[in-house]
């Protein structure tokens, strides 16, 4: 659980959400959602999410989907 308390790792996931590889973006999303879903977020994580909210909304709206990825659509 230490990983999801570090803002530097959240920033890495945000960077990976911009990657040119569809698979990397999808994998980064699955890790990113753990940061978001954590009920005990550190203040630095909350601040980073708020600070980057507009960019994150754009990235998540443009996240690629594949056939059979209805679950991904639902999680977004």
PDB file of N, CA and C in Angstrom:
ATOM      1  N   UNK A   1       0.806  -1.199   0.000  1.00  0.00           N
ATOM      2  CA  UNK A   1       0.000   0.000   0.000  1.00  0.00           C
ATOM      3  C   UNK A   1       0.855   1.272   0.000  1.00  0.00           C
ATOM      4  N   UNK A   2       2.122   1.152   0.256  1.00  0.00           N
ATOM      5  CA  UNK A   2       2.994   2.328   0.284  1.00  0.00           C
ATOM      6  C   UNK A   2       3.017   3.034  -1.073  1.00  0.00           C
ATOM      7  N   UNK A   3       2.952   2.264  -2.144  1.00  0.00           N
ATOM      8  CA  UNK A   3       3.028   2.809  -3.501  1.00  0.00           C
ATOM      9  C   UNK A   3       1.957   3.870  -3.731  1.00  0.00           C
ATOM     10  N   UNK A   4       0.734   3.591  -3.299  1.00  0.00           N
ATOM     11  CA  UNK A   4      -0.375   4.507  -3.587  1.00  0.00           C
ATOM     12  C   UNK A   4      -0.434   5.703  -2.642  1.00  0.00           C
ATOM     13  N   UNK A   5       0.536   5.808  -1.757  1.00  0.00           N
ATOM     14  CA  UNK A   5       0.591   6.982  -0.883  1.00  0.00           C
ATOM     15  C   UNK A   5       1.616   8.004  -1.361  1.00  0.00           C
ATOM     16  N   UNK A   6       2.333   7.671  -2.418  1.00  0.00           N
ATOM     17  CA  UNK A   6       3.405   8.533  -2.926  1.00  0.00           C
ATOM     18  C   UNK A   6       2.944   9.306  -4.166  1.00  0.00           C
ATOM     19  N   UNK A   7       2.951  10.618  -4.092  1.00  0.00           N
ATOM     20  CA  UNK A   7       2.507  11.454  -5.207  1.00  0.00           C
ATOM     21  C   UNK A   7       3.402  11.267  -6.432  1.00  0.00           C
ATOM     22  N   UNK A   8       4.662  10.946  -6.233  1.00  0.00           N
ATOM     23  CA  UNK A   8       5.556  10.748  -7.390  1.00  0.00           C
ATOM     24  C   UNK A   8       5.102   9.566  -8.239  1.00  0.00           C
ATOM     25  N   UNK A   9       4.535   8.542  -7.611  1.00  0.00           N
ATOM     26  CA  UNK A   9       4.044   7.400  -8.377  1.00  0.00           C
ATOM     27  C   UNK A   9       2.736   7.745  -9.101  1.00  0.00           C
ATOM     28  N   UNK A  10       1.915   8.569  -8.474  1.00  0.00           N
ATOM     29  CA  UNK A  10       0.714   9.063  -9.152  1.00  0.00           C
ATOM     30  C   UNK A  10       1.116   9.851 -10.389  1.00  0.00           C
ATOM     31  N   UNK A  11       2.118  10.691 -10.260  1.00  0.00           N
ATOM     32  CA  UNK A  11       2.584  11.485 -11.403  1.00  0.00           C
ATOM     33  C   UNK A  11       3.118  10.600 -12.526  1.00  0.00           C
ATOM     34  N   UNK A  12       3.743   9.507 -12.182  1.00  0.00           N
ATOM     35  CA  UNK A  12       4.201   8.557 -13.205  1.00  0.00           C
ATOM     36  C   UNK A  12       3.001   7.976 -13.943  1.00  0.00           C
ATOM     37  N   UNK A  13       1.947   7.618 -13.205  1.00  0.00           N
ATOM     38  CA  UNK A  13       0.752   7.059 -13.850  1.00  0.00           C
ATOM     39  C   UNK A  13       0.093   8.097 -14.751  1.00  0.00           C
ATOM     40  N   UNK A  14       0.068   9.345 -14.330  1.00  0.00           N
ATOM     41  CA  UNK A  14      -0.503  10.412 -15.158  1.00  0.00           C
ATOM     42  C   UNK A  14       0.305  10.550 -16.445  1.00  0.00           C
ATOM     43  N   UNK A  15       1.607  10.481 -16.328  1.00  0.00           N
ATOM     44  CA  UNK A  15       2.470  10.536 -17.517  1.00  0.00           C
ATOM     45  C   UNK A  15       2.199   9.349 -18.430  1.00  0.00           C
ATOM     46  N   UNK A  16       2.035   8.171 -17.853  1.00  0.00           N
ATOM     47  CA  UNK A  16       1.781   6.973 -18.660  1.00  0.00           C
ATOM     48  C   UNK A  16       0.399   7.009 -19.322  1.00  0.00           C
ATOM     49  N   UNK A  17      -0.536   7.752 -18.753  1.00  0.00           N
ATOM     50  CA  UNK A  17      -1.846   7.911 -19.391  1.00  0.00           C
ATOM     51  C   UNK A  17      -1.740   8.692 -20.700  1.00  0.00           C
ATOM     52  N   UNK A  18      -0.604   9.354 -20.921  1.00  0.00           N
ATOM     53  CA  UNK A  18      -0.360  10.125 -22.148  1.00  0.00           C
ATOM     54  C   UNK A  18       0.488   9.353 -23.156  1.00  0.00           C
ATOM     55  N   UNK A  19       0.913   8.154 -22.808  1.00  0.00           N
ATOM     56  CA  UNK A  19       1.829   7.384 -23.655  1.00  0.00           C
ATOM     57  C   UNK A  19       1.201   7.099 -25.016  1.00  0.00           C
ATOM     58  N   UNK A  20       2.042   6.913 -26.013  1.00  0.00           N
ATOM     59  CA  UNK A  20       1.543   6.627 -27.363  1.00  0.00           C
ATOM     60  C   UNK A  20       1.008   5.202 -27.486  1.00  0.00           C
ATOM     61  N   UNK A  21       1.395   4.324 -26.583  1.00  0.00           N
ATOM     62  CA  UNK A  21       0.932   2.936 -26.625  1.00  0.00           C
ATOM     63  C   UNK A  21      -0.427   2.799 -25.939  1.00  0.00           C
ATOM     64  N   UNK A  22      -1.374   2.281 -26.671  1.00  0.00           N
ATOM     65  CA  UNK A  22      -2.716   2.055 -26.142  1.00  0.00           C
ATOM     66  C   UNK A  22      -2.662   1.130 -24.925  1.00  0.00           C
ATOM     67  N   UNK A  23      -1.886   0.060 -25.014  1.00  0.00           N
ATOM     68  CA  UNK A  23      -1.803  -0.904 -23.915  1.00  0.00           C
ATOM     69  C   UNK A  23      -1.215  -0.282 -22.654  1.00  0.00           C
ATOM     70  N   UNK A  24      -0.218   0.552 -22.812  1.00  0.00           N
ATOM     71  CA  UNK A  24       0.374   1.219 -21.645  1.00  0.00           C
ATOM     72  C   UNK A  24      -0.642   2.156 -21.011  1.00  0.00           C
ATOM     73  N   UNK A  25      -1.394   2.885 -21.831  1.00  0.00           N
ATOM     74  CA  UNK A  25      -2.411   3.800 -21.287  1.00  0.00           C
ATOM     75  C   UNK A  25      -3.480   3.035 -20.513  1.00  0.00           C
ATOM     76  N   UNK A  26      -3.905   1.901 -21.043  1.00  0.00           N
ATOM     77  CA  UNK A  26      -4.929   1.103 -20.364  1.00  0.00           C
ATOM     78  C   UNK A  26      -4.386   0.540 -19.051  1.00  0.00           C
ATOM     79  N   UNK A  27      -3.167   0.033 -19.065  1.00  0.00           N
ATOM     80  CA  UNK A  27      -2.553  -0.490 -17.830  1.00  0.00           C
ATOM     81  C   UNK A  27      -2.364   0.624 -16.805  1.00  0.00           C
ATOM     82  N   UNK A  28      -1.931   1.789 -17.259  1.00  0.00           N
ATOM     83  CA  UNK A  28      -1.752   2.928 -16.351  1.00  0.00           C
ATOM     84  C   UNK A  28      -3.089   3.326 -15.729  1.00  0.00           C
ATOM     85  N   UNK A  29      -4.157   3.234 -16.506  1.00  0.00           N
ATOM     86  CA  UNK A  29      -5.482   3.557 -15.977  1.00  0.00           C
ATOM     87  C   UNK A  29      -5.848   2.625 -14.827  1.00  0.00           C
ATOM     88  N   UNK A  30      -5.557   1.338 -14.988  1.00  0.00           N
ATOM     89  CA  UNK A  30      -5.901   0.374 -13.943  1.00  0.00           C
ATOM     90  C   UNK A  30      -5.128   0.639 -12.648  1.00  0.00           C
ATOM     91  N   UNK A  31      -3.915   1.128 -12.741  1.00  0.00           N
ATOM     92  CA  UNK A  31      -3.159   1.500 -11.539  1.00  0.00           C
ATOM     93  C   UNK A  31      -3.654   2.850 -11.018  1.00  0.00           C
ATOM     94  N   UNK A  32      -3.912   3.786 -11.928  1.00  0.00           N
ATOM     95  CA  UNK A  32      -4.392   5.118 -11.558  1.00  0.00           C
ATOM     96  C   UNK A  32      -5.674   5.036 -10.732  1.00  0.00           C
ATOM     97  N   UNK A  33      -6.581   4.160 -11.111  1.00  0.00           N
ATOM     98  CA  UNK A  33      -7.862   4.084 -10.403  1.00  0.00           C
ATOM     99  C   UNK A  33      -7.692   3.617  -8.957  1.00  0.00           C
ATOM    100  N   UNK A  34      -6.593   2.912  -8.647  1.00  0.00           N
ATOM    101  CA  UNK A  34      -6.327   2.523  -7.261  1.00  0.00           C
ATOM    102  C   UNK A  34      -5.991   3.765  -6.428  1.00  0.00           C
ATOM    103  N   UNK A  35      -5.244   4.693  -7.007  1.00  0.00           N
ATOM    104  CA  UNK A  35      -4.955   5.960  -6.319  1.00  0.00           C
ATOM    105  C   UNK A  35      -6.263   6.698  -6.023  1.00  0.00           C
ATOM    106  N   UNK A  36      -7.140   6.739  -7.001  1.00  0.00           N
ATOM    107  CA  UNK A  36      -8.398   7.476  -6.864  1.00  0.00           C
ATOM    108  C   UNK A  36      -9.327   6.794  -5.867  1.00  0.00           C
ATOM    109  N   UNK A  37      -9.395   5.476  -5.902  1.00  0.00           N
ATOM    110  CA  UNK A  37     -10.334   4.736  -5.061  1.00  0.00           C
ATOM    111  C   UNK A  37      -9.880   4.603  -3.605  1.00  0.00           C
ATOM    112  N   UNK A  38      -8.625   4.873  -3.332  1.00  0.00           N
ATOM    113  CA  UNK A  38      -8.101   4.729  -1.973  1.00  0.00           C
ATOM    114  C   UNK A  38      -8.847   5.667  -1.019  1.00  0.00           C
ATOM    115  N   UNK A  39      -9.558   5.110  -0.035  1.00  0.00           N
ATOM    116  CA  UNK A  39     -10.309   5.967   0.888  1.00  0.00           C
ATOM    117  C   UNK A  39      -9.414   6.744   1.858  1.00  0.00           C
ATOM    118  N   UNK A  40      -8.160   6.352   1.960  1.00  0.00           N
ATOM    119  CA  UNK A  40      -7.224   7.000   2.889  1.00  0.00           C
ATOM    120  C   UNK A  40      -6.118   7.734   2.140  1.00  0.00           C
ATOM    121  N   UNK A  41      -6.503   8.494   1.132  1.00  0.00           N
ATOM    122  CA  UNK A  41      -5.527   9.237   0.325  1.00  0.00           C
ATOM    123  C   UNK A  41      -4.770  10.247   1.185  1.00  0.00           C
ATOM    124  N   UNK A  42      -3.473  10.326   0.955  1.00  0.00           N
ATOM    125  CA  UNK A  42      -2.685  11.382   1.593  1.00  0.00           C
ATOM    126  C   UNK A  42      -3.080  12.724   0.979  1.00  0.00           C
ATOM    127  N   UNK A  43      -2.874  13.754   1.729  1.00  0.00           N
ATOM    128  CA  UNK A  43      -3.218  15.106   1.264  1.00  0.00           C
ATOM    129  C   UNK A  43      -2.518  15.436  -0.056  1.00  0.00           C
ATOM    130  N   UNK A  44      -1.284  15.000  -0.212  1.00  0.00           N
ATOM    131  CA  UNK A  44      -0.534  15.293  -1.439  1.00  0.00           C
ATOM    132  C   UNK A  44      -1.180  14.642  -2.662  1.00  0.00           C
ATOM    133  N   UNK A  45      -1.766  13.471  -2.485  1.00  0.00           N
ATOM    134  CA  UNK A  45      -2.459  12.787  -3.584  1.00  0.00           C
ATOM    135  C   UNK A  45      -3.713  13.571  -3.956  1.00  0.00           C
ATOM    136  N   UNK A  46      -4.478  13.963  -2.960  1.00  0.00           N
ATOM    137  CA  UNK A  46      -5.703  14.742  -3.205  1.00  0.00           C
ATOM    138  C   UNK A  46      -5.364  16.044  -3.923  1.00  0.00           C
ATOM    139  N   UNK A  47      -4.334  16.723  -3.453  1.00  0.00           N
ATOM    140  CA  UNK A  47      -3.933  17.991  -4.076  1.00  0.00           C
ATOM    141  C   UNK A  47      -3.499  17.785  -5.523  1.00  0.00           C
ATOM    142  N   UNK A  48      -2.767  16.712  -5.791  1.00  0.00           N
ATOM    143  CA  UNK A  48      -2.323  16.431  -7.164  1.00  0.00           C
ATOM    144  C   UNK A  48      -3.513  16.120  -8.066  1.00  0.00           C
ATOM    145  N   UNK A  49      -4.486  15.375  -7.556  1.00  0.00           N
ATOM    146  CA  UNK A  49      -5.677  15.057  -8.349  1.00  0.00           C
ATOM    147  C   UNK A  49      -6.475  16.325  -8.654  1.00  0.00           C
ATOM    148  N   UNK A  50      -6.618  17.182  -7.665  1.00  0.00           N
ATOM    149  CA  UNK A  50      -7.347  18.438  -7.869  1.00  0.00           C
ATOM    150  C   UNK A  50      -6.597  19.338  -8.848  1.00  0.00           C
ATOM    151  N   UNK A  51      -5.306  19.450  -8.654  1.00  0.00           N
ATOM    152  CA  UNK A  51      -4.480  20.313  -9.505  1.00  0.00           C
ATOM    153  C   UNK A  51      -4.506  19.872 -10.972  1.00  0.00           C
ATOM    154  N   UNK A  52      -4.601  18.573 -11.196  1.00  0.00           N
ATOM    155  CA  UNK A  52      -4.556  18.024 -12.556  1.00  0.00           C
ATOM    156  C   UNK A  52      -5.921  17.587 -13.078  1.00  0.00           C
ATOM    157  N   UNK A  53      -6.995  17.979 -12.421  1.00  0.00           N
ATOM    158  CA  UNK A  53      -8.315  17.442 -12.756  1.00  0.00           C
ATOM    159  C   UNK A  53      -8.723  17.677 -14.210  1.00  0.00           C
ATOM    160  N   UNK A  54      -8.473  18.847 -14.748  1.00  0.00           N
ATOM    161  CA  UNK A  54      -8.881  19.119 -16.140  1.00  0.00           C
ATOM    162  C   UNK A  54      -8.124  18.222 -17.115  1.00  0.00           C
ATOM    163  N   UNK A  55      -6.827  18.141 -16.912  1.00  0.00           N
ATOM    164  CA  UNK A  55      -6.003  17.286 -17.769  1.00  0.00           C
ATOM    165  C   UNK A  55      -6.423  15.820 -17.625  1.00  0.00           C
ATOM    166  N   UNK A  56      -6.690  15.397 -16.392  1.00  0.00           N
ATOM    167  CA  UNK A  56      -7.091  14.008 -16.160  1.00  0.00           C
ATOM    168  C   UNK A  56      -8.432  13.697 -16.823  1.00  0.00           C
ATOM    169  N   UNK A  57      -9.363  14.614 -16.746  1.00  0.00           N
ATOM    170  CA  UNK A  57     -10.661  14.399 -17.396  1.00  0.00           C
ATOM    171  C   UNK A  57     -10.491  14.211 -18.898  1.00  0.00           C
ATOM    172  N   UNK A  58      -9.652  15.029 -19.517  1.00  0.00           N
ATOM    173  CA  UNK A  58      -9.394  14.883 -20.954  1.00  0.00           C
ATOM    174  C   UNK A  58      -8.742  13.544 -21.256  1.00  0.00           C
ATOM    175  N   UNK A  59      -7.749  13.179 -20.461  1.00  0.00           N
ATOM    176  CA  UNK A  59      -7.047  11.909 -20.684  1.00  0.00           C
ATOM    177  C   UNK A  59      -7.988  10.719 -20.532  1.00  0.00           C
ATOM    178  N   UNK A  60      -8.837  10.765 -19.518  1.00  0.00           N
ATOM    179  CA  UNK A  60      -9.748   9.643 -19.279  1.00  0.00           C
ATOM    180  C   UNK A  60     -10.840   9.569 -20.340  1.00  0.00           C
ATOM    181  N   UNK A  61     -11.291  10.706 -20.832  1.00  0.00           N
ATOM    182  CA  UNK A  61     -12.301  10.702 -21.888  1.00  0.00           C
ATOM    183  C   UNK A  61     -11.741  10.143 -23.182  1.00  0.00           C
ATOM    184  N   UNK A  62     -10.450  10.321 -23.397  1.00  0.00           N
ATOM    185  CA  UNK A  62      -9.813   9.849 -24.625  1.00  0.00           C
ATOM    186  C   UNK A  62      -9.125   8.504 -24.466  1.00  0.00           C
ATOM    187  N   UNK A  63      -9.323   7.865 -23.337  1.00  0.00           N
ATOM    188  CA  UNK A  63      -8.703   6.567 -23.102  1.00  0.00           C
ATOM    189  C   UNK A  63      -9.245   5.559 -24.109  1.00  0.00           C
ATOM    190  N   UNK A  64      -8.360   4.827 -24.774  1.00  0.00           N
ATOM    191  CA  UNK A  64      -8.823   3.880 -25.793  1.00  0.00           C
ATOM    192  C   UNK A  64      -9.543   2.694 -25.171  1.00  0.00           C
ATOM    193  N   UNK A  65     -10.464   2.153 -25.936  1.00  0.00           N
ATOM    194  CA  UNK A  65     -11.134   0.929 -25.518  1.00  0.00           C
ATOM    195  C   UNK A  65     -10.978  -0.105 -26.619  1.00  0.00           C
ATOM    196  N   UNK A  66     -11.085  -1.327 -26.229  1.00  0.00           N
ATOM    197  CA  UNK A  66     -11.040  -2.428 -27.188  1.00  0.00           C
ATOM    198  C   UNK A  66     -12.365  -3.153 -27.129  1.00  0.00           C
ATOM    199  N   UNK A  67     -12.609  -4.003 -28.103  1.00  0.00           N
ATOM    200  CA  UNK A  67     -13.818  -4.817 -28.053  1.00  0.00           C
ATOM    201  C   UNK A  67     -13.803  -5.607 -26.756  1.00  0.00           C
ATOM    202  N   UNK A  68     -14.968  -5.695 -26.133  1.00  0.00           N
ATOM    203  CA  UNK A  68     -15.064  -6.443 -24.892  1.00  0.00           C
ATOM    204  C   UNK A  68     -14.572  -5.682 -23.674  1.00  0.00           C
ATOM    205  N   UNK A  69     -14.340  -4.395 -23.802  1.00  0.00           N
ATOM    206  CA  UNK A  69     -13.839  -3.606 -22.675  1.00  0.00           C
ATOM    207  C   UNK A  69     -14.952  -2.744 -22.077  1.00  0.00           C
ATOM    208  N   UNK A  70     -16.158  -3.302 -21.992  1.00  0.00           N
ATOM    209  CA  UNK A  70     -17.280  -2.570 -21.412  1.00  0.00           C
ATOM    210  C   UNK A  70     -16.995  -2.177 -19.966  1.00  0.00           C
ATOM    211  N   UNK A  71     -16.256  -3.024 -19.260  1.00  0.00           N
ATOM    212  CA  UNK A  71     -15.911  -2.738 -17.873  1.00  0.00           C
ATOM    213  C   UNK A  71     -15.073  -1.470 -17.775  1.00  0.00           C
ATOM    214  N   UNK A  72     -14.178  -1.265 -18.727  1.00  0.00           N
ATOM    215  CA  UNK A  72     -13.343  -0.063 -18.734  1.00  0.00           C
ATOM    216  C   UNK A  72     -14.214   1.178 -18.889  1.00  0.00           C
ATOM    217  N   UNK A  73     -15.187   1.121 -19.791  1.00  0.00           N
ATOM    218  CA  UNK A  73     -16.101   2.252 -19.971  1.00  0.00           C
ATOM    219  C   UNK A  73     -16.835   2.562 -18.673  1.00  0.00           C
ATOM    220  N   UNK A  74     -17.272   1.527 -17.986  1.00  0.00           N
ATOM    221  CA  UNK A  74     -18.016   1.709 -16.750  1.00  0.00           C
ATOM    222  C   UNK A  74     -17.150   2.332 -15.657  1.00  0.00           C
ATOM    223  N   UNK A  75     -15.873   1.932 -15.582  1.00  0.00           N
ATOM    224  CA  UNK A  75     -14.977   2.435 -14.543  1.00  0.00           C
ATOM    225  C   UNK A  75     -14.590   3.883 -14.774  1.00  0.00           C
ATOM    226  N   UNK A  76     -14.563   4.316 -16.017  1.00  0.00           N
ATOM    227  CA  UNK A  76     -14.221   5.708 -16.310  1.00  0.00           C
ATOM    228  C   UNK A  76     -15.288   6.589 -15.755  1.00  0.00           C
TER     229      UNK A  76
END
